[in-house]
Amino acid sequence: MVLRRRPDKSPDEPAEKEKSDNADIRQLEKRLDALDRRLDNIDSMVTAVAERVMSRPMVINVTCPHCGKGIEIALIGTEKPTR
């Protein structure tokens, strides 16, 4: 569901202000659409990882950008691991 709120128009508001407001609204709509696409892509990636984890073990190695310490995360699904 997409909710959009339109600004109230007052009769003494200048046309330039209205054009500026419309441009701001269009820019905001573009940014929200971009955010929606990014969230959809993240959802697709998480789903793919979850499907892979359910079929075989997976290890994720991450390095902390602040301290440089390595972290290893092992994920194992509910199915019996195969070799």
C-alpha atoms as a PDB file:
ATOM      1  CA  MET A   1       0.000   0.000   0.000  1.00  0.00           C
ATOM      2  CA  VAL A   2       1.330   3.423  -0.925  1.00  0.00           C
ATOM      3  CA  LEU A   3       0.178   6.454   1.033  1.00  0.00           C
ATOM      4  CA  ARG A   4       0.806   9.883  -0.368  1.00  0.00           C
ATOM      5  CA  ARG A   5      -0.133  13.104   1.309  1.00  0.00           C
ATOM      6  CA  ARG A   6      -0.734  16.100  -0.878  1.00  0.00           C
ATOM      7  CA  PRO A   7      -0.069  19.543   0.565  1.00  0.00           C
ATOM      8  CA  ASP A   8      -3.074  21.795   1.155  1.00  0.00           C
ATOM      9  CA  LYS A   9      -3.321  24.632  -1.338  1.00  0.00           C
ATOM     10  CA  SER A  10      -4.015  28.111  -0.104  1.00  0.00           C
ATOM     11  CA  PRO A  11      -5.378  30.717  -2.554  1.00  0.00           C
ATOM     12  CA  ASP A  12      -2.685  33.307  -1.813  1.00  0.00           C
ATOM     13  CA  GLU A  13       0.269  30.897  -2.191  1.00  0.00           C
ATOM     14  CA  PRO A  14       2.576  31.875  -5.096  1.00  0.00           C
ATOM     15  CA  ALA A  15       2.893  29.563  -8.098  1.00  0.00           C
ATOM     16  CA  GLU A  16       6.674  29.263  -7.636  1.00  0.00           C
ATOM     17  CA  LYS A  17       6.226  27.926  -4.122  1.00  0.00           C
ATOM     18  CA  GLU A  18       3.761  25.347  -5.428  1.00  0.00           C
ATOM     19  CA  LYS A  19       6.188  24.244  -8.175  1.00  0.00           C
ATOM     20  CA  SER A  20       8.966  23.952  -5.611  1.00  0.00           C
ATOM     21  CA  ASP A  21       6.740  21.880  -3.326  1.00  0.00           C
ATOM     22  CA  ASN A  22       5.741  19.607  -6.224  1.00  0.00           C
ATOM     23  CA  ALA A  23       9.411  19.119  -7.142  1.00  0.00           C
ATOM     24  CA  ASP A  24      10.185  18.227  -3.517  1.00  0.00           C
ATOM     25  CA  ILE A  25       7.331  15.723  -3.466  1.00  0.00           C
ATOM     26  CA  ARG A  26       8.492  14.128  -6.733  1.00  0.00           C
ATOM     27  CA  GLN A  27      12.038  13.846  -5.362  1.00  0.00           C
ATOM     28  CA  LEU A  28      10.716  12.276  -2.160  1.00  0.00           C
ATOM     29  CA  GLU A  29       8.630   9.807  -4.184  1.00  0.00           C
ATOM     30  CA  LYS A  30      11.714   8.843  -6.225  1.00  0.00           C
ATOM     31  CA  ARG A  31      13.746   8.290  -3.071  1.00  0.00           C
ATOM     32  CA  LEU A  32      10.988   6.175  -1.496  1.00  0.00           C
ATOM     33  CA  ASP A  33      10.755   4.083  -4.669  1.00  0.00           C
ATOM     34  CA  ALA A  34      14.543   3.575  -4.612  1.00  0.00           C
ATOM     35  CA  LEU A  35      14.352   2.524  -0.956  1.00  0.00           C
ATOM     36  CA  ASP A  36      11.540   0.110  -1.799  1.00  0.00           C
ATOM     37  CA  ARG A  37      13.643  -1.470  -4.569  1.00  0.00           C
ATOM     38  CA  ARG A  38      16.648  -1.808  -2.246  1.00  0.00           C
ATOM     39  CA  LEU A  39      14.552  -3.452   0.475  1.00  0.00           C
ATOM     40  CA  ASP A  40      13.129  -5.851  -2.118  1.00  0.00           C
ATOM     41  CA  ASN A  41      16.665  -6.751  -3.238  1.00  0.00           C
ATOM     42  CA  ILE A  42      17.750  -7.329   0.369  1.00  0.00           C
ATOM     43  CA  ASP A  43      14.709  -9.561   0.899  1.00  0.00           C
ATOM     44  CA  SER A  44      15.663 -11.611  -2.165  1.00  0.00           C
ATOM     45  CA  MET A  45      19.250 -12.028  -0.929  1.00  0.00           C
ATOM     46  CA  VAL A  46      18.154 -13.067   2.569  1.00  0.00           C
ATOM     47  CA  THR A  47      15.726 -15.596   1.085  1.00  0.00           C
ATOM     48  CA  ALA A  48      18.481 -17.084  -1.103  1.00  0.00           C
ATOM     49  CA  VAL A  49      20.827 -17.371   1.886  1.00  0.00           C
ATOM     50  CA  ALA A  50      18.107 -18.992   4.008  1.00  0.00           C
ATOM     51  CA  GLU A  51      17.388 -21.555   1.280  1.00  0.00           C
ATOM     52  CA  ARG A  52      21.094 -22.364   0.997  1.00  0.00           C
ATOM     53  CA  VAL A  53      21.506 -22.707   4.759  1.00  0.00           C
ATOM     54  CA  MET A  54      18.616 -25.140   4.931  1.00  0.00           C
ATOM     55  CA  SER A  55      20.306 -27.455   2.431  1.00  0.00           C
ATOM     56  CA  ARG A  56      23.970 -27.338   3.574  1.00  0.00           C
ATOM     57  CA  PRO A  57      26.214 -25.714   6.176  1.00  0.00           C
ATOM     58  CA  MET A  58      27.555 -22.260   5.476  1.00  0.00           C
ATOM     59  CA  VAL A  59      30.292 -20.213   7.152  1.00  0.00           C
ATOM     60  CA  ILE A  60      30.396 -16.411   7.031  1.00  0.00           C
ATOM     61  CA  ASN A  61      33.673 -14.663   7.856  1.00  0.00           C
ATOM     62  CA  VAL A  62      33.348 -10.983   8.771  1.00  0.00           C
ATOM     63  CA  THR A  63      36.061  -8.513   9.757  1.00  0.00           C
ATOM     64  CA  CYS A  64      35.139  -5.652  12.088  1.00  0.00           C
ATOM     65  CA  PRO A  65      35.858  -2.327  10.323  1.00  0.00           C
ATOM     66  CA  HIS A  66      36.704  -0.645  13.650  1.00  0.00           C
ATOM     67  CA  CYS A  67      38.996  -3.082  15.456  1.00  0.00           C
ATOM     68  CA  GLY A  68      39.940  -5.429  12.607  1.00  0.00           C
ATOM     69  CA  LYS A  69      38.969  -8.541  14.597  1.00  0.00           C
ATOM     70  CA  GLY A  70      37.697 -11.472  12.531  1.00  0.00           C
ATOM     71  CA  ILE A  71      34.348 -13.080  13.314  1.00  0.00           C
ATOM     72  CA  GLU A  72      33.285 -16.492  12.009  1.00  0.00           C
ATOM     73  CA  ILE A  73      29.579 -17.331  11.916  1.00  0.00           C
ATOM     74  CA  ALA A  74      28.606 -20.934  11.144  1.00  0.00           C
ATOM     75  CA  LEU A  75      25.028 -21.603  10.029  1.00  0.00           C
ATOM     76  CA  ILE A  76      23.579 -25.099   9.903  1.00  0.00           C
ATOM     77  CA  GLY A  77      20.066 -25.913   8.691  1.00  0.00           C
ATOM     78  CA  THR A  78      17.626 -28.518   9.962  1.00  0.00           C
ATOM     79  CA  GLU A  79      18.471 -30.983   7.191  1.00  0.00           C
ATOM     80  CA  LYS A  80      21.273 -33.467   7.746  1.00  0.00           C
ATOM     81  CA  PRO A  81      24.555 -32.037   6.363  1.00  0.00           C
ATOM     82  CA  THR A  82      25.894 -33.986   3.387  1.00  0.00           C
ATOM     83  CA  ARG A  83      29.442 -34.206   2.033  1.00  0.00           C
END
